[in-house]
Amino acid sequence: MQTNCALFITVLAIGAAVLICGCTGLPGDDVQNQTNETPSETPAGANLTIAKMLARDGNFSAFNRALGAAGLKGTLAGPGPYTVFAPTDEAFDLIPETMMEELFDDPKGNLAETLLYHMAPGSYTAAEIAASDTVPTVQGNPITVDAAGESVTVDGARMIRADIPAANGVIHAIDAVMIPPDVTLSPTNETPANVTANTTG
C-alpha cells in the first residue's frame, strides 16, 4: 500500500514539473523569436520636421539663420509636405558680403522670396527630381533640373546630399544659393560662379 502511495506521489511530482516547465518555456520562446526578428528601421530624423532637422544639422546653420530672419521657420514646421533644397554653409560662405547684406536688409522681401525659391510643395525624391525638367516652388517660379551628367543640378546648384527624410517632407543639400528670376540684386565684382543671381547695373 505504501509502495502504491509513493508511486502515485512520484507520478504527480513528475507531472507537475512537466507542466511548470511547459508554462515557463513558451514565453521564453516568444521573446527569443521577437529578438531574432529584424525590426523595421526608421531613418534618423524621420520623425522630426524639416525645421528641426535644419536646426540640428550643423551644415545648414546659415540657411537656418536666414529662415529665422525671414520668419519662415514656422512654414517648415507645419504639416507640408515640402521638398527643401538647402544650401550648405559652404554655399553661403561663397556669397559676397554685400549681397548677403542686401538680402538680410529686406528679410520679408528679397530674402523671403529667395528662401521660398528653395522650397517645393510636395515631397520629391532625388530620382523623381532627376526624371523631371522642372520643379515647382512655393515662391512661384519653377526650378530648372539638369540630370544629363553624373550629378543632378537644380538651377545650376548641384545636389550633394539627397533624400534626407523628415516628418513633413524631404531635404536635399545643394552647393549653391539660388536666386529667383524676379529677385534683382545690385551688381558686384565678387559674385561667384555658383551663385545664381540676377543683378542690375
N, C-alpha and C. Protein backbone atom coordinates (compact mmCIF):
# COMPACT_ATOMS: atom_id res chain seq x y z
N MET A 1 0.83 -1.20 0.00
CA MET A 1 0.00 0.00 0.00
C MET A 1 0.87 1.25 0.00
N GLN A 2 1.92 1.21 0.89
CA GLN A 2 2.83 2.34 0.95
C GLN A 2 3.57 2.51 -0.37
N THR A 3 3.88 1.38 -1.01
CA THR A 3 4.57 1.44 -2.30
C THR A 3 3.70 2.11 -3.35
N ASN A 4 2.41 1.78 -3.37
CA ASN A 4 1.49 2.39 -4.33
C ASN A 4 1.35 3.89 -4.10
N CYS A 5 1.29 4.28 -2.81
CA CYS A 5 1.17 5.71 -2.49
C CYS A 5 2.41 6.46 -2.94
N ALA A 6 3.57 5.85 -2.68
CA ALA A 6 4.82 6.51 -3.07
C ALA A 6 4.89 6.66 -4.58
N LEU A 7 4.45 5.64 -5.32
CA LEU A 7 4.46 5.68 -6.77
C LEU A 7 3.53 6.77 -7.29
N PHE A 8 2.35 6.87 -6.64
CA PHE A 8 1.36 7.87 -7.05
C PHE A 8 1.90 9.29 -6.84
N ILE A 9 2.57 9.50 -5.69
CA ILE A 9 3.14 10.82 -5.38
C ILE A 9 4.24 11.17 -6.37
N THR A 10 5.04 10.16 -6.74
CA THR A 10 6.13 10.38 -7.69
C THR A 10 5.58 10.79 -9.05
N VAL A 11 4.51 10.12 -9.50
CA VAL A 11 3.89 10.44 -10.78
C VAL A 11 3.35 11.86 -10.77
N LEU A 12 2.69 12.24 -9.66
CA LEU A 12 2.17 13.60 -9.55
C LEU A 12 3.28 14.64 -9.61
N ALA A 13 4.40 14.34 -8.94
CA ALA A 13 5.52 15.29 -8.91
C ALA A 13 6.10 15.48 -10.31
N ILE A 14 6.25 14.38 -11.05
CA ILE A 14 6.79 14.46 -12.41
C ILE A 14 5.85 15.26 -13.31
N GLY A 15 4.53 14.99 -13.17
CA GLY A 15 3.55 15.70 -13.99
C GLY A 15 3.57 17.20 -13.71
N ALA A 16 3.69 17.55 -12.42
CA ALA A 16 3.73 18.97 -12.06
C ALA A 16 4.97 19.64 -12.63
N ALA A 17 6.10 18.94 -12.59
CA ALA A 17 7.34 19.50 -13.11
C ALA A 17 7.24 19.75 -14.61
N VAL A 18 6.65 18.79 -15.31
CA VAL A 18 6.48 18.94 -16.76
C VAL A 18 5.58 20.12 -17.07
N LEU A 19 4.49 20.25 -16.27
CA LEU A 19 3.54 21.34 -16.50
C LEU A 19 4.20 22.71 -16.27
N ILE A 20 5.01 22.81 -15.20
CA ILE A 20 5.69 24.07 -14.88
C ILE A 20 6.68 24.43 -15.97
N CYS A 21 7.46 23.45 -16.43
CA CYS A 21 8.44 23.71 -17.50
C CYS A 21 7.75 24.18 -18.77
N GLY A 22 6.61 23.53 -19.06
CA GLY A 22 5.89 23.89 -20.27
C GLY A 22 5.36 25.30 -20.20
N CYS A 23 4.87 25.70 -19.02
CA CYS A 23 4.30 27.04 -18.89
C CYS A 23 5.36 28.12 -18.94
N THR A 24 6.53 27.86 -18.33
CA THR A 24 7.57 28.88 -18.32
C THR A 24 8.35 28.91 -19.61
N GLY A 25 8.32 27.87 -20.41
CA GLY A 25 9.10 27.80 -21.63
C GLY A 25 8.50 28.58 -22.77
N LEU A 26 7.18 28.68 -22.90
CA LEU A 26 6.54 29.33 -24.03
C LEU A 26 6.85 30.82 -24.12
N PRO A 27 6.72 31.54 -23.01
CA PRO A 27 7.07 32.95 -23.12
C PRO A 27 8.52 33.16 -23.51
N GLY A 28 9.40 32.31 -23.02
CA GLY A 28 10.81 32.41 -23.37
C GLY A 28 11.01 32.23 -24.86
N ASP A 29 10.31 31.31 -25.48
CA ASP A 29 10.40 31.09 -26.91
C ASP A 29 9.92 32.32 -27.67
N ASP A 30 8.83 32.93 -27.19
CA ASP A 30 8.29 34.11 -27.85
C ASP A 30 9.29 35.26 -27.82
N VAL A 31 9.93 35.47 -26.67
CA VAL A 31 10.91 36.54 -26.55
C VAL A 31 12.07 36.30 -27.49
N GLN A 32 12.51 35.03 -27.57
CA GLN A 32 13.61 34.70 -28.46
C GLN A 32 13.24 34.97 -29.91
N ASN A 33 12.01 34.60 -30.28
CA ASN A 33 11.57 34.83 -31.64
C ASN A 33 11.49 36.33 -31.95
N GLN A 34 11.03 37.11 -30.98
CA GLN A 34 10.94 38.55 -31.19
C GLN A 34 12.33 39.16 -31.31
N THR A 35 13.28 38.63 -30.52
CA THR A 35 14.64 39.16 -30.56
C THR A 35 15.28 38.89 -31.90
N ASN A 36 14.99 37.72 -32.47
CA ASN A 36 15.61 37.35 -33.73
C ASN A 36 14.99 38.07 -34.92
N GLU A 37 13.79 38.63 -34.73
CA GLU A 37 13.15 39.34 -35.82
C GLU A 37 13.90 40.64 -36.11
N THR A 38 14.02 40.99 -37.37
CA THR A 38 14.68 42.24 -37.76
C THR A 38 13.67 43.37 -37.70
N PRO A 39 13.85 44.33 -36.78
CA PRO A 39 12.87 45.41 -36.66
C PRO A 39 12.96 46.35 -37.85
N SER A 40 11.84 46.97 -38.18
CA SER A 40 11.86 47.94 -39.27
C SER A 40 12.55 49.21 -38.76
N GLU A 41 13.58 49.65 -39.46
CA GLU A 41 14.36 50.79 -39.02
C GLU A 41 13.77 52.10 -39.55
N THR A 42 13.68 53.09 -38.67
CA THR A 42 13.24 54.42 -39.07
C THR A 42 14.47 55.28 -39.24
N PRO A 43 14.68 55.88 -40.40
CA PRO A 43 15.86 56.72 -40.61
C PRO A 43 15.94 57.82 -39.56
N ALA A 44 17.18 58.13 -39.16
CA ALA A 44 17.38 59.17 -38.16
C ALA A 44 16.77 60.48 -38.64
N GLY A 45 15.95 61.08 -37.79
CA GLY A 45 15.34 62.35 -38.13
C GLY A 45 14.02 62.25 -38.85
N ALA A 46 13.60 61.04 -39.21
CA ALA A 46 12.36 60.90 -39.98
C ALA A 46 11.14 61.34 -39.18
N ASN A 47 11.27 61.39 -37.85
CA ASN A 47 10.16 61.83 -37.02
C ASN A 47 10.23 63.32 -36.68
N LEU A 48 11.26 64.01 -37.18
CA LEU A 48 11.42 65.43 -36.93
C LEU A 48 10.95 66.23 -38.14
N THR A 49 10.46 67.43 -37.91
CA THR A 49 10.06 68.29 -39.02
C THR A 49 11.30 68.82 -39.73
N ILE A 50 11.10 69.35 -40.92
CA ILE A 50 12.21 69.93 -41.68
C ILE A 50 12.86 71.06 -40.88
N ALA A 51 12.04 71.87 -40.21
CA ALA A 51 12.56 72.98 -39.42
C ALA A 51 13.52 72.48 -38.34
N LYS A 52 13.14 71.41 -37.65
CA LYS A 52 14.00 70.86 -36.60
C LYS A 52 15.24 70.20 -37.18
N MET A 53 15.08 69.53 -38.31
CA MET A 53 16.22 68.89 -38.95
C MET A 53 17.27 69.93 -39.34
N LEU A 54 16.84 71.03 -39.93
CA LEU A 54 17.76 72.07 -40.35
C LEU A 54 18.43 72.72 -39.15
N ALA A 55 17.68 72.86 -38.05
CA ALA A 55 18.23 73.48 -36.85
C ALA A 55 19.27 72.59 -36.19
N ARG A 56 19.11 71.28 -36.31
CA ARG A 56 20.02 70.34 -35.65
C ARG A 56 21.25 70.02 -36.48
N ASP A 57 21.15 70.15 -37.79
CA ASP A 57 22.26 69.80 -38.67
C ASP A 57 23.19 71.00 -38.81
N GLY A 58 24.42 70.84 -38.35
CA GLY A 58 25.38 71.93 -38.38
C GLY A 58 25.80 72.38 -39.76
N ASN A 59 25.45 71.63 -40.79
CA ASN A 59 25.81 72.01 -42.16
C ASN A 59 24.88 73.07 -42.74
N PHE A 60 23.75 73.32 -42.05
CA PHE A 60 22.77 74.27 -42.58
C PHE A 60 22.54 75.45 -41.64
N SER A 61 23.55 75.83 -40.89
CA SER A 61 23.39 76.91 -39.91
C SER A 61 23.00 78.23 -40.56
N ALA A 62 23.67 78.58 -41.66
CA ALA A 62 23.38 79.85 -42.34
C ALA A 62 21.97 79.85 -42.93
N PHE A 63 21.58 78.74 -43.53
CA PHE A 63 20.24 78.63 -44.11
C PHE A 63 19.20 78.73 -43.01
N ASN A 64 19.45 78.08 -41.89
CA ASN A 64 18.53 78.11 -40.76
C ASN A 64 18.41 79.53 -40.20
N ARG A 65 19.53 80.23 -40.14
CA ARG A 65 19.53 81.61 -39.65
C ARG A 65 18.72 82.52 -40.60
N ALA A 66 18.87 82.29 -41.89
CA ALA A 66 18.12 83.07 -42.87
C ALA A 66 16.62 82.81 -42.75
N LEU A 67 16.25 81.56 -42.52
CA LEU A 67 14.83 81.22 -42.35
C LEU A 67 14.25 81.95 -41.15
N GLY A 68 15.04 82.04 -40.08
CA GLY A 68 14.59 82.75 -38.89
C GLY A 68 14.40 84.23 -39.16
N ALA A 69 15.34 84.82 -39.88
CA ALA A 69 15.25 86.25 -40.19
C ALA A 69 14.04 86.56 -41.06
N ALA A 70 13.71 85.64 -41.95
CA ALA A 70 12.57 85.85 -42.86
C ALA A 70 11.24 85.41 -42.26
N GLY A 71 11.29 84.81 -41.07
CA GLY A 71 10.07 84.35 -40.42
C GLY A 71 9.45 83.13 -41.08
N LEU A 72 10.29 82.27 -41.64
CA LEU A 72 9.78 81.11 -42.39
C LEU A 72 9.98 79.77 -41.68
N LYS A 73 10.53 79.80 -40.47
CA LYS A 73 10.71 78.53 -39.76
C LYS A 73 9.38 77.85 -39.49
N GLY A 74 8.36 78.64 -39.19
CA GLY A 74 7.04 78.08 -38.92
C GLY A 74 6.47 77.34 -40.12
N THR A 75 6.78 77.82 -41.31
CA THR A 75 6.31 77.15 -42.52
C THR A 75 6.85 75.73 -42.60
N LEU A 76 8.14 75.59 -42.32
CA LEU A 76 8.77 74.27 -42.41
C LEU A 76 8.54 73.42 -41.17
N ALA A 77 7.83 73.98 -40.19
CA ALA A 77 7.42 73.20 -39.02
C ALA A 77 5.98 72.72 -39.18
N GLY A 78 5.32 73.18 -40.24
CA GLY A 78 3.93 72.81 -40.50
C GLY A 78 3.80 71.44 -41.14
N PRO A 79 2.57 71.06 -41.47
CA PRO A 79 2.32 69.71 -41.99
C PRO A 79 2.95 69.43 -43.34
N GLY A 80 3.04 70.45 -44.20
CA GLY A 80 3.63 70.20 -45.52
C GLY A 80 2.75 69.33 -46.39
N PRO A 81 3.35 68.42 -47.15
CA PRO A 81 4.80 68.17 -47.20
C PRO A 81 5.54 69.16 -48.08
N TYR A 82 6.86 69.28 -47.82
CA TYR A 82 7.72 70.16 -48.60
C TYR A 82 8.98 69.42 -49.02
N THR A 83 9.52 69.86 -50.14
CA THR A 83 10.86 69.46 -50.56
C THR A 83 11.72 70.70 -50.44
N VAL A 84 12.80 70.60 -49.67
CA VAL A 84 13.66 71.77 -49.44
C VAL A 84 15.04 71.53 -50.05
N PHE A 85 15.46 72.44 -50.89
CA PHE A 85 16.82 72.43 -51.43
C PHE A 85 17.64 73.35 -50.53
N ALA A 86 18.38 72.75 -49.62
CA ALA A 86 19.06 73.52 -48.57
C ALA A 86 20.52 73.78 -48.92
N PRO A 87 20.89 75.04 -49.14
CA PRO A 87 22.31 75.35 -49.39
C PRO A 87 23.12 75.10 -48.12
N THR A 88 24.29 74.53 -48.28
CA THR A 88 25.16 74.29 -47.13
C THR A 88 25.80 75.60 -46.67
N ASP A 89 26.45 75.54 -45.52
CA ASP A 89 27.16 76.72 -45.02
C ASP A 89 28.25 77.15 -46.00
N GLU A 90 28.88 76.17 -46.64
CA GLU A 90 29.93 76.48 -47.63
C GLU A 90 29.35 77.28 -48.79
N ALA A 91 28.12 76.95 -49.18
CA ALA A 91 27.46 77.69 -50.27
C ALA A 91 27.22 79.14 -49.86
N PHE A 92 26.79 79.35 -48.63
CA PHE A 92 26.56 80.72 -48.15
C PHE A 92 27.87 81.48 -48.00
N ASP A 93 28.95 80.77 -47.65
CA ASP A 93 30.25 81.44 -47.49
C ASP A 93 30.74 82.05 -48.80
N LEU A 94 30.28 81.51 -49.92
CA LEU A 94 30.73 81.99 -51.23
C LEU A 94 29.94 83.21 -51.72
N ILE A 95 28.88 83.56 -51.00
CA ILE A 95 28.11 84.74 -51.40
C ILE A 95 28.84 86.00 -50.93
N PRO A 96 29.03 86.98 -51.81
CA PRO A 96 29.68 88.23 -51.40
C PRO A 96 28.95 88.88 -50.23
N GLU A 97 29.70 89.49 -49.35
CA GLU A 97 29.11 90.10 -48.16
C GLU A 97 28.08 91.16 -48.51
N THR A 98 28.36 91.93 -49.55
CA THR A 98 27.41 92.98 -49.95
C THR A 98 26.07 92.39 -50.39
N MET A 99 26.12 91.23 -51.06
CA MET A 99 24.89 90.58 -51.50
C MET A 99 24.11 90.03 -50.30
N MET A 100 24.84 89.47 -49.34
CA MET A 100 24.19 88.96 -48.13
C MET A 100 23.52 90.09 -47.37
N GLU A 101 24.22 91.22 -47.27
CA GLU A 101 23.64 92.37 -46.56
C GLU A 101 22.38 92.86 -47.26
N GLU A 102 22.41 92.86 -48.58
CA GLU A 102 21.24 93.31 -49.33
C GLU A 102 20.04 92.39 -49.11
N LEU A 103 20.30 91.10 -49.04
CA LEU A 103 19.22 90.15 -48.79
C LEU A 103 18.66 90.31 -47.38
N PHE A 104 19.55 90.40 -46.39
CA PHE A 104 19.10 90.48 -45.00
C PHE A 104 18.51 91.85 -44.66
N ASP A 105 18.83 92.86 -45.45
CA ASP A 105 18.22 94.18 -45.24
C ASP A 105 16.76 94.19 -45.64
N ASP A 106 16.34 93.18 -46.39
CA ASP A 106 14.95 93.07 -46.84
C ASP A 106 14.44 91.67 -46.51
N PRO A 107 14.34 91.34 -45.19
CA PRO A 107 14.03 89.97 -44.79
C PRO A 107 12.68 89.45 -45.26
N LYS A 108 11.68 90.31 -45.30
CA LYS A 108 10.34 89.87 -45.72
C LYS A 108 10.14 89.98 -47.23
N GLY A 109 11.12 90.57 -47.91
CA GLY A 109 11.03 90.73 -49.35
C GLY A 109 11.98 89.81 -50.09
N ASN A 110 13.14 90.35 -50.49
CA ASN A 110 14.09 89.57 -51.29
C ASN A 110 14.58 88.31 -50.59
N LEU A 111 14.85 88.41 -49.27
CA LEU A 111 15.34 87.23 -48.55
C LEU A 111 14.27 86.15 -48.51
N ALA A 112 13.05 86.52 -48.15
CA ALA A 112 11.96 85.54 -48.09
C ALA A 112 11.69 84.92 -49.46
N GLU A 113 11.68 85.75 -50.50
CA GLU A 113 11.45 85.24 -51.85
C GLU A 113 12.54 84.24 -52.26
N THR A 114 13.78 84.56 -51.89
CA THR A 114 14.90 83.67 -52.22
C THR A 114 14.77 82.34 -51.49
N LEU A 115 14.39 82.38 -50.22
CA LEU A 115 14.25 81.15 -49.45
C LEU A 115 13.07 80.31 -49.93
N LEU A 116 11.97 80.96 -50.27
CA LEU A 116 10.80 80.23 -50.79
C LEU A 116 11.10 79.57 -52.13
N TYR A 117 12.08 80.12 -52.84
CA TYR A 117 12.52 79.55 -54.11
C TYR A 117 13.25 78.23 -53.89
N HIS A 118 13.67 77.98 -52.65
CA HIS A 118 14.35 76.73 -52.30
C HIS A 118 13.38 75.69 -51.74
N MET A 119 12.08 75.99 -51.78
CA MET A 119 11.07 75.08 -51.26
C MET A 119 10.08 74.69 -52.36
N ALA A 120 9.79 73.41 -52.43
CA ALA A 120 8.80 72.92 -53.39
C ALA A 120 7.62 72.32 -52.63
N PRO A 121 6.40 72.60 -53.08
CA PRO A 121 5.23 71.98 -52.45
C PRO A 121 5.17 70.50 -52.82
N GLY A 122 5.08 69.64 -51.83
CA GLY A 122 5.10 68.20 -52.09
C GLY A 122 6.45 67.62 -51.74
N SER A 123 6.51 66.30 -51.68
CA SER A 123 7.75 65.61 -51.33
C SER A 123 8.30 64.88 -52.55
N TYR A 124 9.48 65.30 -53.00
CA TYR A 124 10.08 64.74 -54.21
C TYR A 124 11.44 64.10 -53.88
N THR A 125 11.60 62.84 -54.25
CA THR A 125 12.89 62.19 -54.08
C THR A 125 13.85 62.66 -55.16
N ALA A 126 15.12 62.35 -54.98
CA ALA A 126 16.13 62.73 -55.97
C ALA A 126 15.83 62.08 -57.32
N ALA A 127 15.36 60.84 -57.29
CA ALA A 127 15.04 60.14 -58.53
C ALA A 127 13.88 60.82 -59.26
N GLU A 128 12.88 61.26 -58.51
CA GLU A 128 11.74 61.94 -59.13
C GLU A 128 12.16 63.30 -59.70
N ILE A 129 13.06 63.96 -59.00
CA ILE A 129 13.55 65.25 -59.49
C ILE A 129 14.36 65.06 -60.77
N ALA A 130 15.23 64.04 -60.76
CA ALA A 130 16.07 63.77 -61.93
C ALA A 130 15.25 63.44 -63.16
N ALA A 131 14.07 62.88 -62.95
CA ALA A 131 13.21 62.50 -64.08
C ALA A 131 12.34 63.66 -64.57
N SER A 132 12.49 64.82 -63.95
CA SER A 132 11.68 65.98 -64.32
C SER A 132 12.53 67.05 -65.00
N ASP A 133 11.88 67.90 -65.76
CA ASP A 133 12.56 69.05 -66.37
C ASP A 133 12.56 70.25 -65.44
N THR A 134 11.49 70.39 -64.69
CA THR A 134 11.37 71.49 -63.74
C THR A 134 10.71 71.00 -62.46
N VAL A 135 10.90 71.78 -61.40
CA VAL A 135 10.25 71.50 -60.12
C VAL A 135 9.55 72.79 -59.67
N PRO A 136 8.27 72.71 -59.31
CA PRO A 136 7.58 73.92 -58.85
C PRO A 136 8.13 74.38 -57.51
N THR A 137 7.99 75.64 -57.20
CA THR A 137 8.45 76.17 -55.92
C THR A 137 7.32 76.92 -55.23
N VAL A 138 7.45 77.07 -53.92
CA VAL A 138 6.48 77.84 -53.15
C VAL A 138 6.55 79.31 -53.56
N GLN A 139 7.71 79.75 -54.00
CA GLN A 139 7.89 81.14 -54.42
C GLN A 139 7.11 81.47 -55.69
N GLY A 140 6.91 80.46 -56.53
CA GLY A 140 6.13 80.67 -57.74
C GLY A 140 6.87 80.34 -59.02
N ASN A 141 8.15 80.68 -59.09
CA ASN A 141 8.95 80.36 -60.28
C ASN A 141 9.47 78.93 -60.19
N PRO A 142 9.36 78.16 -61.27
CA PRO A 142 9.87 76.78 -61.25
C PRO A 142 11.39 76.74 -61.30
N ILE A 143 11.93 75.66 -60.78
CA ILE A 143 13.38 75.42 -60.81
C ILE A 143 13.68 74.50 -61.99
N THR A 144 14.70 74.83 -62.74
CA THR A 144 15.11 74.00 -63.88
C THR A 144 16.03 72.88 -63.41
N VAL A 145 15.75 71.67 -63.87
CA VAL A 145 16.52 70.49 -63.48
C VAL A 145 17.41 70.04 -64.63
N ASP A 146 18.64 69.69 -64.31
CA ASP A 146 19.56 69.13 -65.31
C ASP A 146 20.15 67.85 -64.74
N ALA A 147 19.78 66.72 -65.33
CA ALA A 147 20.28 65.43 -64.88
C ALA A 147 21.06 64.73 -65.98
N ALA A 148 21.62 65.51 -66.90
CA ALA A 148 22.33 64.92 -68.04
C ALA A 148 23.65 64.28 -67.62
N GLY A 149 24.33 64.86 -66.65
CA GLY A 149 25.62 64.33 -66.22
C GLY A 149 25.47 63.30 -65.11
N GLU A 150 26.56 63.10 -64.38
CA GLU A 150 26.54 62.13 -63.28
C GLU A 150 25.79 62.66 -62.07
N SER A 151 25.71 63.98 -61.93
CA SER A 151 25.02 64.58 -60.80
C SER A 151 23.80 65.35 -61.27
N VAL A 152 22.90 65.59 -60.34
CA VAL A 152 21.68 66.34 -60.64
C VAL A 152 21.88 67.78 -60.17
N THR A 153 21.55 68.73 -61.03
CA THR A 153 21.62 70.14 -60.64
C THR A 153 20.25 70.77 -60.75
N VAL A 154 19.99 71.71 -59.86
CA VAL A 154 18.74 72.48 -59.89
C VAL A 154 19.14 73.95 -59.99
N ASP A 155 18.76 74.56 -61.09
CA ASP A 155 19.16 75.95 -61.36
C ASP A 155 20.67 76.15 -61.20
N GLY A 156 21.44 75.16 -61.62
CA GLY A 156 22.89 75.25 -61.56
C GLY A 156 23.50 74.83 -60.24
N ALA A 157 22.67 74.61 -59.22
CA ALA A 157 23.17 74.16 -57.92
C ALA A 157 23.19 72.64 -57.88
N ARG A 158 24.33 72.08 -57.51
CA ARG A 158 24.47 70.62 -57.52
C ARG A 158 23.93 70.02 -56.23
N MET A 159 23.15 68.95 -56.38
CA MET A 159 22.66 68.23 -55.20
C MET A 159 23.78 67.34 -54.69
N ILE A 160 24.29 67.66 -53.51
CA ILE A 160 25.45 66.94 -52.96
C ILE A 160 25.06 65.95 -51.87
N ARG A 161 23.86 66.05 -51.35
CA ARG A 161 23.33 65.11 -50.36
C ARG A 161 21.84 65.04 -50.59
N ALA A 162 21.34 63.87 -50.90
CA ALA A 162 19.94 63.76 -51.32
C ALA A 162 19.12 62.90 -50.37
N ASP A 163 17.81 63.12 -50.44
CA ASP A 163 16.83 62.28 -49.76
C ASP A 163 17.06 62.20 -48.25
N ILE A 164 17.18 63.35 -47.61
CA ILE A 164 17.26 63.40 -46.15
C ILE A 164 15.82 63.44 -45.64
N PRO A 165 15.32 62.37 -45.01
CA PRO A 165 13.90 62.30 -44.68
C PRO A 165 13.54 63.15 -43.47
N ALA A 166 12.34 63.68 -43.49
CA ALA A 166 11.78 64.43 -42.37
C ALA A 166 10.31 64.06 -42.23
N ALA A 167 9.71 64.43 -41.11
CA ALA A 167 8.32 64.06 -40.87
C ALA A 167 7.37 64.75 -41.84
N ASN A 168 7.75 65.91 -42.32
CA ASN A 168 6.86 66.66 -43.21
C ASN A 168 7.48 66.92 -44.58
N GLY A 169 8.34 66.02 -45.02
CA GLY A 169 8.91 66.16 -46.36
C GLY A 169 10.31 65.60 -46.47
N VAL A 170 11.11 66.23 -47.31
CA VAL A 170 12.46 65.73 -47.58
C VAL A 170 13.39 66.91 -47.84
N ILE A 171 14.67 66.73 -47.51
CA ILE A 171 15.68 67.77 -47.71
C ILE A 171 16.74 67.26 -48.68
N HIS A 172 17.16 68.13 -49.59
CA HIS A 172 18.29 67.84 -50.47
C HIS A 172 19.31 68.97 -50.28
N ALA A 173 20.53 68.61 -49.93
CA ALA A 173 21.58 69.61 -49.74
C ALA A 173 22.15 70.01 -51.10
N ILE A 174 22.34 71.32 -51.30
CA ILE A 174 22.90 71.81 -52.56
C ILE A 174 24.11 72.69 -52.29
N ASP A 175 24.95 72.86 -53.31
CA ASP A 175 26.22 73.57 -53.12
C ASP A 175 26.19 75.03 -53.57
N ALA A 176 25.00 75.58 -53.79
CA ALA A 176 24.89 76.98 -54.20
C ALA A 176 23.57 77.55 -53.72
N VAL A 177 23.55 78.86 -53.58
CA VAL A 177 22.31 79.56 -53.24
C VAL A 177 21.65 80.02 -54.53
N MET A 178 20.39 79.68 -54.70
CA MET A 178 19.66 80.02 -55.92
C MET A 178 18.87 81.31 -55.72
N ILE A 179 18.97 82.21 -56.66
CA ILE A 179 18.22 83.46 -56.62
C ILE A 179 17.11 83.39 -57.67
N PRO A 180 15.85 83.60 -57.27
CA PRO A 180 14.76 83.51 -58.25
C PRO A 180 14.85 84.60 -59.31
N PRO A 181 14.27 84.36 -60.47
CA PRO A 181 14.37 85.30 -61.60
C PRO A 181 13.86 86.70 -61.29
N ASP A 182 12.85 86.81 -60.43
CA ASP A 182 12.27 88.12 -60.17
C ASP A 182 12.84 88.82 -58.94
N VAL A 183 13.94 88.29 -58.40
CA VAL A 183 14.67 88.97 -57.33
C VAL A 183 15.94 89.54 -57.93
N THR A 184 16.05 90.85 -57.96
CA THR A 184 17.19 91.52 -58.58
C THR A 184 18.05 92.18 -57.52
N LEU A 185 19.34 91.86 -57.55
CA LEU A 185 20.28 92.41 -56.57
C LEU A 185 21.26 93.33 -57.26
N SER A 186 21.92 94.16 -56.48
CA SER A 186 22.90 95.09 -57.03
C SER A 186 24.10 94.33 -57.55
N PRO A 187 24.73 94.81 -58.62
CA PRO A 187 25.89 94.11 -59.19
C PRO A 187 27.09 94.17 -58.25
N THR A 188 27.92 93.13 -58.32
CA THR A 188 29.15 93.10 -57.53
C THR A 188 30.19 92.32 -58.30
N ASN A 189 31.42 92.75 -58.20
CA ASN A 189 32.52 92.04 -58.87
C ASN A 189 32.88 90.75 -58.15
N GLU A 190 32.29 90.57 -56.95
CA GLU A 190 32.63 89.40 -56.15
C GLU A 190 31.69 88.23 -56.39
N THR A 191 30.66 88.42 -57.20
CA THR A 191 29.67 87.37 -57.39
C THR A 191 30.30 86.09 -57.92
N PRO A 192 30.29 85.00 -57.15
CA PRO A 192 30.91 83.75 -57.59
C PRO A 192 30.08 83.02 -58.62
N ALA A 193 30.70 82.09 -59.29
CA ALA A 193 30.02 81.37 -60.37
C ALA A 193 28.89 80.51 -59.87
N ASN A 194 28.97 80.04 -58.60
CA ASN A 194 27.96 79.11 -58.13
C ASN A 194 26.82 79.80 -57.38
N VAL A 195 26.67 81.12 -57.58
CA VAL A 195 25.51 81.82 -57.06
C VAL A 195 24.68 82.27 -58.25
N THR A 196 23.47 81.73 -58.36
CA THR A 196 22.62 82.05 -59.50
C THR A 196 21.89 83.35 -59.19
N ALA A 197 22.51 84.47 -59.52
CA ALA A 197 21.95 85.76 -59.12
C ALA A 197 21.58 86.61 -60.32
N ASN A 198 20.56 87.44 -60.14
CA ASN A 198 20.18 88.44 -61.13
C ASN A 198 20.59 89.80 -60.59
N THR A 199 21.37 90.53 -61.36
CA THR A 199 21.87 91.82 -60.88
C THR A 199 21.50 92.92 -61.85
N THR A 200 21.45 94.13 -61.33
CA THR A 200 21.17 95.29 -62.17
C THR A 200 22.41 96.15 -62.27
N GLY A 201 22.50 96.93 -63.33
CA GLY A 201 23.64 97.81 -63.45
C GLY A 201 24.44 97.51 -64.69
